[in-house]
Amino acid sequence: MPFRVLYAIAAFVCGSSLLAACGGGGADSGTFVPPKAGKRGLPGVPAGKRARGQNDPFEARAGYDLPFLPLTFSINDNLDFTVEYNGKLVTPIGTFHLSAEGDLTSDRDRPLPPEPGDVSQLVICRDGPDKQPCQAFKISTGRRLHIVMNGNFIQDAEPNRILIHAGSGSKITVSDAGPPAPVGAHGPARIAIEETDFNETSAATDVDLERRKGGTSDDLSYDHITGKLALIGGAKISQLARYREKSGSWVKDAGINLGKKIPGENECLQTPQAGWKSTFTDDDLKADTIITCVKTAEGEIGYLVIGRDRDRKPVAYHVYSYVWVR
C-alpha cells in the first residue's frame, strides 16, 4: 500500500501522526537502533564514495517546476492594495511589519520564515506618509520570475525573497519567465546519502543533506546543549511517521525492517503545498525511529530516517538521509 495511503489511514485512526502503535506513546519504547546505510532494508552508499570523502562533480540540475499564472498587485491613490491571481501556486502568507533593520515580523513578532529553493517570496510594502503592513506571498515554483513595475519603486532582493517598496498609483505584474516545461519521461536522479550522529560530543552541528552532490545550503541543525534537532535554511518535512523498534534477542537482530516503510520520490511529491512544515514538534520526535519526507533548503526531495536515543543527555540522534538530486 502506498506510503501516503498508510499515512492517511493511520492519521485518521490515531490522530495527527502515523504511529506504529496507537495511544500512550506507543512508538516510544526507548529502544535505540541507529538506522545504518545498507542495513535493515535501507539503501547503501556506493562503494568507495565515503572512504575517499570526496564530493561528486557538480552537475547542472534540470528539475521540473510547474509554470504559474500571472500575479498582479495594484496600489491606488488612497494607498489601498488590490491583488489578482489565479492558480494554486500563489499563496498569501499574510501581513508583516518591516523594521528599520529590514526584518519582517508578524503582529505576534514572529519572523517571516524562509522557504526552500523551489519557492520564491514576494513582499510588497506600501510607501507613503502612513506606512502600512507589508503583504507577503509565496510562489511555489523554482522557475524564473518576470516582474513588470509601473510607478515609484525600490526593490531589495535576497535569495528566494524579493521585497518591493511601492508608492501610490503603482502596478506590479509578476509572470512566469521559466523555460518550457519538459515533456516525456523523467530522467534519472543523482542520489545523495548521508549518515550523521548528533550528540553532545559529535562534530556535526549544521548539516547539508546534499553535501556530496554539490549542495550549498544546510538543512538540519543540532544544539549540543539542549539536544534540539531543527530544520534550517527553509527545509521542510511532511508525512511524518513514528515507529517502535524491536530490542532483539539471541535468535533475532534488533530493529524493524525499514525498507518496507521508507517512501519513494513520487510519494513524497504527492504532498500538497499546505502539507509541508518547517519544524519538528516535541511529539514528532518522541519515538524510537522517525521516518519523514523532506524538502531540502535547495528544493530537492528526499526522506529522513531518524533513530532517537532518549537516554543520552542531551537526547541524541542518528540520522540517515536519502535525497533525489535533480
C-alpha atoms as a PDB file:
ATOM      1  CA  MET A   1       0.000   0.000   0.000  1.00  0.00           C
ATOM      2  CA  PRO A   2       1.460   3.446  -0.872  1.00  0.00           C
ATOM      3  CA  PHE A   3       3.156   5.385   1.926  1.00  0.00           C
ATOM      4  CA  ARG A   4       0.708   8.309   1.721  1.00  0.00           C
ATOM      5  CA  VAL A   5      -2.308   5.941   1.966  1.00  0.00           C
ATOM      6  CA  LEU A   6      -0.876   4.304   5.100  1.00  0.00           C
ATOM      7  CA  TYR A   7      -0.275   7.785   6.494  1.00  0.00           C
ATOM      8  CA  ALA A   8      -3.835   8.906   5.831  1.00  0.00           C
ATOM      9  CA  ILE A   9      -5.355   5.757   7.378  1.00  0.00           C
ATOM     10  CA  ALA A  10      -3.184   5.907  10.494  1.00  0.00           C
ATOM     11  CA  ALA A  11      -3.663   9.657  10.898  1.00  0.00           C
ATOM     12  CA  PHE A  12      -7.441   9.104  10.841  1.00  0.00           C
ATOM     13  CA  VAL A  13      -7.260   6.297  13.389  1.00  0.00           C
ATOM     14  CA  CYS A  14      -4.534   7.648  15.703  1.00  0.00           C
ATOM     15  CA  GLY A  15      -4.627  11.416  15.258  1.00  0.00           C
ATOM     16  CA  SER A  16      -2.082  13.716  13.636  1.00  0.00           C
ATOM     17  CA  SER A  17       0.879  11.327  13.491  1.00  0.00           C
ATOM     18  CA  LEU A  18       1.385   7.936  11.925  1.00  0.00           C
ATOM     19  CA  LEU A  19       2.113   5.569  14.808  1.00  0.00           C
ATOM     20  CA  ALA A  20       3.339   2.014  14.895  1.00  0.00           C
ATOM     21  CA  ALA A  21       1.043   1.501  17.863  1.00  0.00           C
ATOM     22  CA  CYS A  22      -1.801   3.885  18.750  1.00  0.00           C
ATOM     23  CA  GLY A  23      -2.109   5.755  22.021  1.00  0.00           C
ATOM     24  CA  GLY A  24       0.033   6.220  25.106  1.00  0.00           C
ATOM     25  CA  GLY A  25       3.331   6.946  23.359  1.00  0.00           C
ATOM     26  CA  GLY A  26       3.264   3.509  21.768  1.00  0.00           C
ATOM     27  CA  ALA A  27       6.144   4.333  19.411  1.00  0.00           C
ATOM     28  CA  ASP A  28       8.479   5.432  22.213  1.00  0.00           C
ATOM     29  CA  SER A  29       9.862   2.356  23.960  1.00  0.00           C
ATOM     30  CA  GLY A  30      13.352   3.740  24.451  1.00  0.00           C
ATOM     31  CA  THR A  31      14.958   1.157  22.171  1.00  0.00           C
ATOM     32  CA  PHE A  32      17.734   2.818  20.145  1.00  0.00           C
ATOM     33  CA  VAL A  33      18.708   1.071  16.913  1.00  0.00           C
ATOM     34  CA  PRO A  34      20.628   3.508  14.653  1.00  0.00           C
ATOM     35  CA  PRO A  35      19.442   3.477  11.010  1.00  0.00           C
ATOM     36  CA  LYS A  36      22.532   2.478   9.014  1.00  0.00           C
ATOM     37  CA  ALA A  37      23.076   2.597   5.255  1.00  0.00           C
ATOM     38  CA  GLY A  38      22.774  -0.874   3.772  1.00  0.00           C
ATOM     39  CA  LYS A  39      21.128  -2.282   6.916  1.00  0.00           C
ATOM     40  CA  ARG A  40      17.512  -3.216   7.684  1.00  0.00           C
ATOM     41  CA  GLY A  41      16.430  -2.552   4.108  1.00  0.00           C
ATOM     42  CA  LEU A  42      17.940   0.934   3.765  1.00  0.00           C
ATOM     43  CA  PRO A  43      19.859   1.655   0.540  1.00  0.00           C
ATOM     44  CA  GLY A  44      23.617   1.559   0.928  1.00  0.00           C
ATOM     45  CA  VAL A  45      26.228   4.114  -0.100  1.00  0.00           C
ATOM     46  CA  PRO A  46      28.091   3.180  -3.324  1.00  0.00           C
ATOM     47  CA  ALA A  47      31.412   1.532  -2.539  1.00  0.00           C
ATOM     48  CA  GLY A  48      34.372   3.889  -2.243  1.00  0.00           C
ATOM     49  CA  LYS A  49      32.454   7.166  -2.131  1.00  0.00           C
ATOM     50  CA  ARG A  50      32.532   7.627   1.612  1.00  0.00           C
ATOM     51  CA  ALA A  51      36.039   6.309   2.117  1.00  0.00           C
ATOM     52  CA  ARG A  52      37.538   8.984  -0.141  1.00  0.00           C
ATOM     53  CA  GLY A  53      35.381  11.723   1.401  1.00  0.00           C
ATOM     54  CA  GLN A  54      35.084  13.468  -1.953  1.00  0.00           C
ATOM     55  CA  ASN A  55      32.061  15.137  -3.468  1.00  0.00           C
ATOM     56  CA  ASP A  56      30.790  14.020  -6.839  1.00  0.00           C
ATOM     57  CA  PRO A  57      31.469  16.551  -9.629  1.00  0.00           C
ATOM     58  CA  PHE A  58      28.720  19.156  -9.629  1.00  0.00           C
ATOM     59  CA  GLU A  59      26.230  18.791 -12.442  1.00  0.00           C
ATOM     60  CA  ALA A  60      23.644  21.310 -13.621  1.00  0.00           C
ATOM     61  CA  ARG A  61      20.194  20.462 -12.300  1.00  0.00           C
ATOM     62  CA  ALA A  62      17.298  20.021 -14.668  1.00  0.00           C
ATOM     63  CA  GLY A  63      14.343  19.571 -12.351  1.00  0.00           C
ATOM     64  CA  TYR A  64      10.714  20.018 -13.291  1.00  0.00           C
ATOM     65  CA  ASP A  65       8.910  23.111 -11.969  1.00  0.00           C
ATOM     66  CA  LEU A  66       5.302  23.914 -12.753  1.00  0.00           C
ATOM     67  CA  PRO A  67       4.566  27.197 -14.554  1.00  0.00           C
ATOM     68  CA  PHE A  68       2.251  29.647 -12.794  1.00  0.00           C
ATOM     69  CA  LEU A  69      -0.342  32.180 -13.896  1.00  0.00           C
ATOM     70  CA  PRO A  70       0.294  35.946 -13.618  1.00  0.00           C
ATOM     71  CA  LEU A  71       0.086  37.717 -10.273  1.00  0.00           C
ATOM     72  CA  THR A  72      -0.874  41.427 -10.297  1.00  0.00           C
ATOM     73  CA  PHE A  73      -0.676  43.992  -7.461  1.00  0.00           C
ATOM     74  CA  SER A  74      -2.147  47.491  -7.721  1.00  0.00           C
ATOM     75  CA  ILE A  75      -1.932  50.408  -5.280  1.00  0.00           C
ATOM     76  CA  ASN A  76      -4.358  53.275  -5.844  1.00  0.00           C
ATOM     77  CA  ASP A  77      -4.008  56.929  -4.849  1.00  0.00           C
ATOM     78  CA  ASN A  78      -5.519  56.143  -1.448  1.00  0.00           C
ATOM     79  CA  LEU A  79      -2.741  53.584  -0.897  1.00  0.00           C
ATOM     80  CA  ASP A  80      -5.189  50.675  -0.981  1.00  0.00           C
ATOM     81  CA  PHE A  81      -3.970  47.260  -2.169  1.00  0.00           C
ATOM     82  CA  THR A  82      -5.623  45.208  -4.907  1.00  0.00           C
ATOM     83  CA  VAL A  83      -4.310  41.721  -5.660  1.00  0.00           C
ATOM     84  CA  GLU A  84      -5.338  39.483  -8.568  1.00  0.00           C
ATOM     85  CA  TYR A  85      -4.022  35.970  -9.077  1.00  0.00           C
ATOM     86  CA  ASN A  86      -5.137  32.554 -10.259  1.00  0.00           C
ATOM     87  CA  GLY A  87      -3.937  29.013  -9.747  1.00  0.00           C
ATOM     88  CA  LYS A  88      -2.665  27.041  -6.780  1.00  0.00           C
ATOM     89  CA  LEU A  89       0.991  28.052  -6.982  1.00  0.00           C
ATOM     90  CA  VAL A  90       0.492  31.521  -5.480  1.00  0.00           C
ATOM     91  CA  THR A  91      -0.356  31.586  -1.757  1.00  0.00           C
ATOM     92  CA  PRO A  92      -0.864  34.618   0.528  1.00  0.00           C
ATOM     93  CA  ILE A  93       1.373  34.351   3.612  1.00  0.00           C
ATOM     94  CA  GLY A  94      -0.123  37.319   5.487  1.00  0.00           C
ATOM     95  CA  THR A  95       0.799  40.823   6.614  1.00  0.00           C
ATOM     96  CA  PHE A  96       4.168  41.693   8.125  1.00  0.00           C
ATOM     97  CA  HIS A  97       5.839  44.797   9.525  1.00  0.00           C
ATOM     98  CA  LEU A  98       9.205  45.932   8.157  1.00  0.00           C
ATOM     99  CA  SER A  99      11.632  47.190  10.802  1.00  0.00           C
ATOM    100  CA  ALA A 100      14.311  49.817  10.275  1.00  0.00           C
ATOM    101  CA  GLU A 101      16.838  46.951  10.201  1.00  0.00           C
ATOM    102  CA  GLY A 102      14.973  45.260   7.355  1.00  0.00           C
ATOM    103  CA  ASP A 103      13.401  42.450   9.411  1.00  0.00           C
ATOM    104  CA  LEU A 104       9.867  41.289   8.602  1.00  0.00           C
ATOM    105  CA  THR A 105       7.724  40.230  11.568  1.00  0.00           C
ATOM    106  CA  SER A 106       4.044  39.484  12.147  1.00  0.00           C
ATOM    107  CA  ASP A 107       1.773  41.172  14.689  1.00  0.00           C
ATOM    108  CA  ARG A 108       2.932  38.495  17.156  1.00  0.00           C
ATOM    109  CA  ASP A 109       6.601  39.344  16.471  1.00  0.00           C
ATOM    110  CA  ARG A 110       7.132  36.121  14.550  1.00  0.00           C
ATOM    111  CA  PRO A 111       9.660  36.475  11.713  1.00  0.00           C
ATOM    112  CA  LEU A 112       8.706  35.732   8.123  1.00  0.00           C
ATOM    113  CA  PRO A 113      10.073  32.169   7.788  1.00  0.00           C
ATOM    114  CA  PRO A 114      12.454  31.193   4.964  1.00  0.00           C
ATOM    115  CA  GLU A 115      11.341  28.910   2.127  1.00  0.00           C
ATOM    116  CA  PRO A 116      13.190  26.136   0.255  1.00  0.00           C
ATOM    117  CA  GLY A 117      14.868  26.752  -3.073  1.00  0.00           C
ATOM    118  CA  ASP A 118      11.802  25.940  -5.174  1.00  0.00           C
ATOM    119  CA  VAL A 119       9.688  28.685  -3.561  1.00  0.00           C
ATOM    120  CA  SER A 120      10.005  32.448  -4.079  1.00  0.00           C
ATOM    121  CA  GLN A 121       8.691  35.001  -1.598  1.00  0.00           C
ATOM    122  CA  LEU A 122       7.335  38.281  -2.939  1.00  0.00           C
ATOM    123  CA  VAL A 123       6.787  41.036  -0.358  1.00  0.00           C
ATOM    124  CA  ILE A 124       5.085  44.311  -1.288  1.00  0.00           C
ATOM    125  CA  CYS A 125       5.442  47.201   1.182  1.00  0.00           C
ATOM    126  CA  ARG A 126       3.305  50.266   0.654  1.00  0.00           C
ATOM    127  CA  ASP A 127       5.203  53.531   0.947  1.00  0.00           C
ATOM    128  CA  GLY A 128       3.606  56.843   1.829  1.00  0.00           C
ATOM    129  CA  PRO A 129       3.027  59.230   4.741  1.00  0.00           C
ATOM    130  CA  ASP A 130       1.280  56.464   6.698  1.00  0.00           C
ATOM    131  CA  LYS A 131       3.118  53.244   6.003  1.00  0.00           C
ATOM    132  CA  GLN A 132       1.016  50.112   6.219  1.00  0.00           C
ATOM    133  CA  PRO A 133       1.965  46.466   6.883  1.00  0.00           C
ATOM    134  CA  CYS A 134       3.616  44.634   4.005  1.00  0.00           C
ATOM    135  CA  GLN A 135       1.766  41.922   2.063  1.00  0.00           C
ATOM    136  CA  ALA A 136       3.710  38.674   1.609  1.00  0.00           C
ATOM    137  CA  PHE A 137       3.077  35.932  -0.955  1.00  0.00           C
ATOM    138  CA  LYS A 138       4.877  32.733  -1.846  1.00  0.00           C
ATOM    139  CA  ILE A 139       5.144  31.485  -5.410  1.00  0.00           C
ATOM    140  CA  SER A 140       5.667  27.736  -5.294  1.00  0.00           C
ATOM    141  CA  THR A 141       7.871  27.211  -8.308  1.00  0.00           C
ATOM    142  CA  GLY A 142      11.591  27.334  -8.918  1.00  0.00           C
ATOM    143  CA  ARG A 143      11.108  28.910 -12.342  1.00  0.00           C
ATOM    144  CA  ARG A 144      12.374  32.394 -13.227  1.00  0.00           C
ATOM    145  CA  LEU A 145      10.088  35.330 -12.446  1.00  0.00           C
ATOM    146  CA  HIS A 146       9.393  38.239 -14.801  1.00  0.00           C
ATOM    147  CA  ILE A 147       8.382  41.401 -12.900  1.00  0.00           C
ATOM    148  CA  VAL A 148       6.927  44.476 -14.627  1.00  0.00           C
ATOM    149  CA  MET A 149       6.534  47.567 -12.418  1.00  0.00           C
ATOM    150  CA  ASN A 150       4.848  50.876 -13.234  1.00  0.00           C
ATOM    151  CA  GLY A 151       5.181  53.673 -10.686  1.00  0.00           C
ATOM    152  CA  ASN A 152       7.699  54.519  -7.974  1.00  0.00           C
ATOM    153  CA  PHE A 153       9.613  51.578  -6.547  1.00  0.00           C
ATOM    154  CA  ILE A 154      12.570  50.488  -4.503  1.00  0.00           C
ATOM    155  CA  GLN A 155      13.444  46.800  -4.746  1.00  0.00           C
ATOM    156  CA  ASP A 156      15.543  44.701  -2.371  1.00  0.00           C
ATOM    157  CA  ALA A 157      16.457  41.163  -3.395  1.00  0.00           C
ATOM    158  CA  GLU A 158      17.962  38.254  -1.476  1.00  0.00           C
ATOM    159  CA  PRO A 159      17.906  34.502  -2.074  1.00  0.00           C
ATOM    160  CA  ASN A 160      14.283  33.352  -2.512  1.00  0.00           C
ATOM    161  CA  ARG A 161      12.862  36.719  -1.407  1.00  0.00           C
ATOM    162  CA  ILE A 162      12.025  39.890  -3.353  1.00  0.00           C
ATOM    163  CA  LEU A 163      10.906  42.934  -1.355  1.00  0.00           C
ATOM    164  CA  ILE A 164       9.378  45.882  -3.201  1.00  0.00           C
ATOM    165  CA  HIS A 165       8.542  49.316  -1.732  1.00  0.00           C
ATOM    166  CA  ALA A 166       5.735  50.737  -3.864  1.00  0.00           C
ATOM    167  CA  GLY A 167       4.099  54.164  -3.858  1.00  0.00           C
ATOM    168  CA  SER A 168       0.567  55.243  -4.763  1.00  0.00           C
ATOM    169  CA  GLY A 169      -0.588  54.618  -8.329  1.00  0.00           C
ATOM    170  CA  SER A 170       1.802  51.684  -8.698  1.00  0.00           C
ATOM    171  CA  LYS A 171       1.109  48.446 -10.518  1.00  0.00           C
ATOM    172  CA  ILE A 172       3.203  45.280 -10.325  1.00  0.00           C
ATOM    173  CA  THR A 173       2.746  42.241 -12.553  1.00  0.00           C
ATOM    174  CA  VAL A 174       4.643  39.014 -11.869  1.00  0.00           C
ATOM    175  CA  SER A 175       4.621  36.407 -14.610  1.00  0.00           C
ATOM    176  CA  ASP A 176       6.342  33.153 -15.473  1.00  0.00           C
ATOM    177  CA  ALA A 177       9.692  33.529 -17.246  1.00  0.00           C
ATOM    178  CA  GLY A 178      10.887  29.964 -16.787  1.00  0.00           C
ATOM    179  CA  PRO A 179      11.896  27.548 -19.536  1.00  0.00           C
ATOM    180  CA  PRO A 180       9.254  25.467 -21.320  1.00  0.00           C
ATOM    181  CA  ALA A 181       8.050  22.610 -19.147  1.00  0.00           C
ATOM    182  CA  PRO A 182       9.858  19.377 -20.063  1.00  0.00           C
ATOM    183  CA  VAL A 183       7.911  16.675 -21.850  1.00  0.00           C
ATOM    184  CA  GLY A 184       8.283  12.916 -21.880  1.00  0.00           C
ATOM    185  CA  ALA A 185       9.546  10.601 -19.184  1.00  0.00           C
ATOM    186  CA  HIS A 186      11.514  11.926 -16.216  1.00  0.00           C
ATOM    187  CA  GLY A 187      15.223  11.178 -16.280  1.00  0.00           C
ATOM    188  CA  PRO A 188      17.353   9.611 -13.531  1.00  0.00           C
ATOM    189  CA  ALA A 189      18.254  11.454 -10.343  1.00  0.00           C
ATOM    190  CA  ARG A 190      21.602  11.563  -8.589  1.00  0.00           C
ATOM    191  CA  ILE A 191      21.322  10.113  -5.087  1.00  0.00           C
ATOM    192  CA  ALA A 192      22.753  11.863  -2.036  1.00  0.00           C
ATOM    193  CA  ILE A 193      23.030   9.628   1.044  1.00  0.00           C
ATOM    194  CA  GLU A 194      24.271  10.997   4.356  1.00  0.00           C
ATOM    195  CA  GLU A 195      24.593   9.500   7.844  1.00  0.00           C
ATOM    196  CA  THR A 196      25.025  11.864  10.768  1.00  0.00           C
ATOM    197  CA  ASP A 197      25.485  11.358  14.503  1.00  0.00           C
ATOM    198  CA  PHE A 198      24.087  14.166  16.646  1.00  0.00           C
ATOM    199  CA  ASN A 199      25.119  14.034  20.306  1.00  0.00           C
ATOM    200  CA  GLU A 200      26.873  16.161  22.913  1.00  0.00           C
ATOM    201  CA  THR A 201      30.369  15.387  21.579  1.00  0.00           C
ATOM    202  CA  SER A 202      29.674  14.887  17.860  1.00  0.00           C
ATOM    203  CA  ALA A 203      31.305  17.158  15.316  1.00  0.00           C
ATOM    204  CA  ALA A 204      28.056  17.753  13.403  1.00  0.00           C
ATOM    205  CA  THR A 205      26.094  20.927  14.138  1.00  0.00           C
ATOM    206  CA  ASP A 206      24.676  22.153  10.796  1.00  0.00           C
ATOM    207  CA  VAL A 207      24.346  19.552   8.024  1.00  0.00           C
ATOM    208  CA  ASP A 208      23.779  19.846   4.254  1.00  0.00           C
ATOM    209  CA  LEU A 209      21.872  16.771   3.066  1.00  0.00           C
ATOM    210  CA  GLU A 210      23.242  17.198  -0.486  1.00  0.00           C
ATOM    211  CA  ARG A 211      26.838  17.836   0.574  1.00  0.00           C
ATOM    212  CA  ARG A 212      28.272  15.008  -1.544  1.00  0.00           C
ATOM    213  CA  LYS A 213      26.294  16.085  -4.614  1.00  0.00           C
ATOM    214  CA  GLY A 214      27.292  19.737  -4.816  1.00  0.00           C
ATOM    215  CA  GLY A 215      24.877  21.119  -2.216  1.00  0.00           C
ATOM    216  CA  THR A 216      25.388  24.653  -0.928  1.00  0.00           C
ATOM    217  CA  SER A 217      22.833  25.105   1.906  1.00  0.00           C
ATOM    218  CA  ASP A 218      22.465  23.457   5.318  1.00  0.00           C
ATOM    219  CA  ASP A 219      19.194  21.674   6.139  1.00  0.00           C
ATOM    220  CA  LEU A 220      19.472  20.244   9.680  1.00  0.00           C
ATOM    221  CA  SER A 221      20.819  21.739  12.898  1.00  0.00           C
ATOM    222  CA  TYR A 222      21.533  20.202  16.312  1.00  0.00           C
ATOM    223  CA  ASP A 223      22.005  22.088  19.583  1.00  0.00           C
ATOM    224  CA  HIS A 224      24.689  20.294  21.603  1.00  0.00           C
ATOM    225  CA  ILE A 225      23.370  21.679  24.910  1.00  0.00           C
ATOM    226  CA  THR A 226      19.599  21.279  24.579  1.00  0.00           C
ATOM    227  CA  GLY A 227      19.569  18.342  22.137  1.00  0.00           C
ATOM    228  CA  LYS A 228      17.124  20.160  19.862  1.00  0.00           C
ATOM    229  CA  LEU A 229      17.040  18.872  16.279  1.00  0.00           C
ATOM    230  CA  ALA A 230      15.781  21.567  13.901  1.00  0.00           C
ATOM    231  CA  LEU A 231      15.169  22.269  10.225  1.00  0.00           C
ATOM    232  CA  ILE A 232      17.051  25.303   8.885  1.00  0.00           C
ATOM    233  CA  GLY A 233      17.501  27.254   5.651  1.00  0.00           C
ATOM    234  CA  GLY A 234      13.893  26.747   4.570  1.00  0.00           C
ATOM    235  CA  ALA A 235      13.988  22.922   4.685  1.00  0.00           C
ATOM    236  CA  LYS A 236      10.594  21.293   5.332  1.00  0.00           C
ATOM    237  CA  ILE A 237       9.144  17.890   6.236  1.00  0.00           C
ATOM    238  CA  SER A 238       5.880  16.060   5.543  1.00  0.00           C
ATOM    239  CA  GLN A 239       4.162  12.693   6.024  1.00  0.00           C
ATOM    240  CA  LEU A 240       5.997  12.068   9.289  1.00  0.00           C
ATOM    241  CA  ALA A 241       5.705   8.523  10.676  1.00  0.00           C
ATOM    242  CA  ARG A 242       6.797   7.139  14.075  1.00  0.00           C
ATOM    243  CA  TYR A 243       7.752   3.549  14.876  1.00  0.00           C
ATOM    244  CA  ARG A 244       8.556   1.343  17.858  1.00  0.00           C
ATOM    245  CA  GLU A 245      11.784  -0.620  17.490  1.00  0.00           C
ATOM    246  CA  LYS A 246      12.435  -4.242  18.421  1.00  0.00           C
ATOM    247  CA  SER A 247      15.085  -4.822  21.066  1.00  0.00           C
ATOM    248  CA  GLY A 248      16.229  -8.121  19.576  1.00  0.00           C
ATOM    249  CA  SER A 249      17.238 -11.384  21.189  1.00  0.00           C
ATOM    250  CA  TRP A 250      19.843 -14.134  20.901  1.00  0.00           C
ATOM    251  CA  VAL A 251      17.979 -15.513  17.875  1.00  0.00           C
ATOM    252  CA  LYS A 252      16.868 -12.263  16.247  1.00  0.00           C
ATOM    253  CA  ASP A 253      18.658  -8.986  15.417  1.00  0.00           C
ATOM    254  CA  ALA A 254      17.415  -5.747  16.923  1.00  0.00           C
ATOM    255  CA  GLY A 255      15.398  -3.348  14.831  1.00  0.00           C
ATOM    256  CA  ILE A 256      12.438  -3.417  12.454  1.00  0.00           C
ATOM    257  CA  ASN A 257      12.682  -3.704   8.664  1.00  0.00           C
ATOM    258  CA  LEU A 258      12.857  -0.102   7.455  1.00  0.00           C
ATOM    259  CA  GLY A 259      12.941  -0.912   3.753  1.00  0.00           C
ATOM    260  CA  LYS A 260       9.202  -1.576   3.767  1.00  0.00           C
ATOM    261  CA  LYS A 261       8.423   1.759   5.418  1.00  0.00           C
ATOM    262  CA  ILE A 262      10.517   4.328   3.544  1.00  0.00           C
ATOM    263  CA  PRO A 263       8.687   6.423   0.894  1.00  0.00           C
ATOM    264  CA  GLY A 264       9.529   6.804  -2.791  1.00  0.00           C
ATOM    265  CA  GLU A 265      10.175  10.099  -4.557  1.00  0.00           C
ATOM    266  CA  ASN A 266       6.744  10.232  -6.165  1.00  0.00           C
ATOM    267  CA  GLU A 267       5.047   9.515  -2.830  1.00  0.00           C
ATOM    268  CA  CYS A 268       6.767  12.493  -1.213  1.00  0.00           C
ATOM    269  CA  LEU A 269       5.955  14.664  -4.235  1.00  0.00           C
ATOM    270  CA  GLN A 270       2.244  13.961  -3.684  1.00  0.00           C
ATOM    271  CA  THR A 271       2.329  16.095  -0.535  1.00  0.00           C
ATOM    272  CA  PRO A 272       0.155  19.203  -1.077  1.00  0.00           C
ATOM    273  CA  GLN A 273       1.833  22.569  -0.514  1.00  0.00           C
ATOM    274  CA  ALA A 274      -0.004  23.009   2.784  1.00  0.00           C
ATOM    275  CA  GLY A 275       1.256  19.617   3.983  1.00  0.00           C
ATOM    276  CA  TRP A 276       4.884  20.753   4.368  1.00  0.00           C
ATOM    277  CA  LYS A 277       6.029  22.203   7.692  1.00  0.00           C
ATOM    278  CA  SER A 278       9.295  23.800   8.794  1.00  0.00           C
ATOM    279  CA  THR A 279       9.629  22.495  12.371  1.00  0.00           C
ATOM    280  CA  PHE A 280       9.721  19.272  14.355  1.00  0.00           C
ATOM    281  CA  THR A 281       7.305  19.278  17.282  1.00  0.00           C
ATOM    282  CA  ASP A 282       8.255  17.556  20.522  1.00  0.00           C
ATOM    283  CA  ASP A 283       5.705  14.833  19.785  1.00  0.00           C
ATOM    284  CA  ASP A 284       7.142  14.278  16.292  1.00  0.00           C
ATOM    285  CA  LEU A 285      10.414  13.133  17.815  1.00  0.00           C
ATOM    286  CA  LYS A 286       9.016  11.071  20.704  1.00  0.00           C
ATOM    287  CA  ALA A 287       9.619   7.716  19.049  1.00  0.00           C
ATOM    288  CA  ASP A 288      12.342   5.126  18.655  1.00  0.00           C
ATOM    289  CA  THR A 289      12.502   5.749  14.890  1.00  0.00           C
ATOM    290  CA  ILE A 290      11.021   8.552  12.805  1.00  0.00           C
ATOM    291  CA  ILE A 291      10.602   8.487   9.015  1.00  0.00           C
ATOM    292  CA  THR A 292       9.596  11.609   7.114  1.00  0.00           C
ATOM    293  CA  CYS A 293       9.687  13.095   3.630  1.00  0.00           C
ATOM    294  CA  VAL A 294      11.985  16.112   3.406  1.00  0.00           C
ATOM    295  CA  LYS A 295      12.243  19.051   1.036  1.00  0.00           C
ATOM    296  CA  THR A 296      15.756  20.467   1.367  1.00  0.00           C
ATOM    297  CA  ALA A 297      16.750  24.118   1.504  1.00  0.00           C
ATOM    298  CA  GLU A 298      17.573  23.841  -2.207  1.00  0.00           C
ATOM    299  CA  GLY A 299      14.166  22.382  -3.046  1.00  0.00           C
ATOM    300  CA  GLU A 300      15.214  18.764  -3.583  1.00  0.00           C
ATOM    301  CA  ILE A 301      13.002  15.892  -2.377  1.00  0.00           C
ATOM    302  CA  GLY A 302      14.128  13.051  -0.128  1.00  0.00           C
ATOM    303  CA  TYR A 303      13.447  11.302   3.151  1.00  0.00           C
ATOM    304  CA  LEU A 304      14.947  11.088   6.637  1.00  0.00           C
ATOM    305  CA  VAL A 305      15.184   8.085   8.937  1.00  0.00           C
ATOM    306  CA  ILE A 306      15.905   9.303  12.473  1.00  0.00           C
ATOM    307  CA  GLY A 307      16.960   6.999  15.286  1.00  0.00           C
ATOM    308  CA  ARG A 308      16.457   8.566  18.731  1.00  0.00           C
ATOM    309  CA  ASP A 309      18.500   7.747  21.834  1.00  0.00           C
ATOM    310  CA  ARG A 310      16.378   9.253  24.581  1.00  0.00           C
ATOM    311  CA  ASP A 311      18.669   8.003  27.358  1.00  0.00           C
ATOM    312  CA  ARG A 312      21.568  10.256  26.311  1.00  0.00           C
ATOM    313  CA  LYS A 313      21.845  13.695  27.895  1.00  0.00           C
ATOM    314  CA  PRO A 314      21.046  15.680  25.901  1.00  0.00           C
ATOM    315  CA  VAL A 315      18.915  13.419  23.702  1.00  0.00           C
ATOM    316  CA  ALA A 316      20.951  12.084  20.760  1.00  0.00           C
ATOM    317  CA  TYR A 317      20.031  11.121  17.197  1.00  0.00           C
ATOM    318  CA  HIS A 318      21.464   9.112  14.325  1.00  0.00           C
ATOM    319  CA  VAL A 319      20.052  10.461  11.049  1.00  0.00           C
ATOM    320  CA  TYR A 320      20.087   8.646   7.703  1.00  0.00           C
ATOM    321  CA  SER A 321      19.085  10.830   4.745  1.00  0.00           C
ATOM    322  CA  TYR A 322      18.333   9.898   1.133  1.00  0.00           C
ATOM    323  CA  VAL A 323      17.814  12.739  -1.378  1.00  0.00           C
ATOM    324  CA  TRP A 324      16.964  12.621  -5.084  1.00  0.00           C
ATOM    325  CA  VAL A 325      19.076  15.422  -6.613  1.00  0.00           C
ATOM    326  CA  ARG A 326      17.686  16.709  -9.904  1.00  0.00           C
END
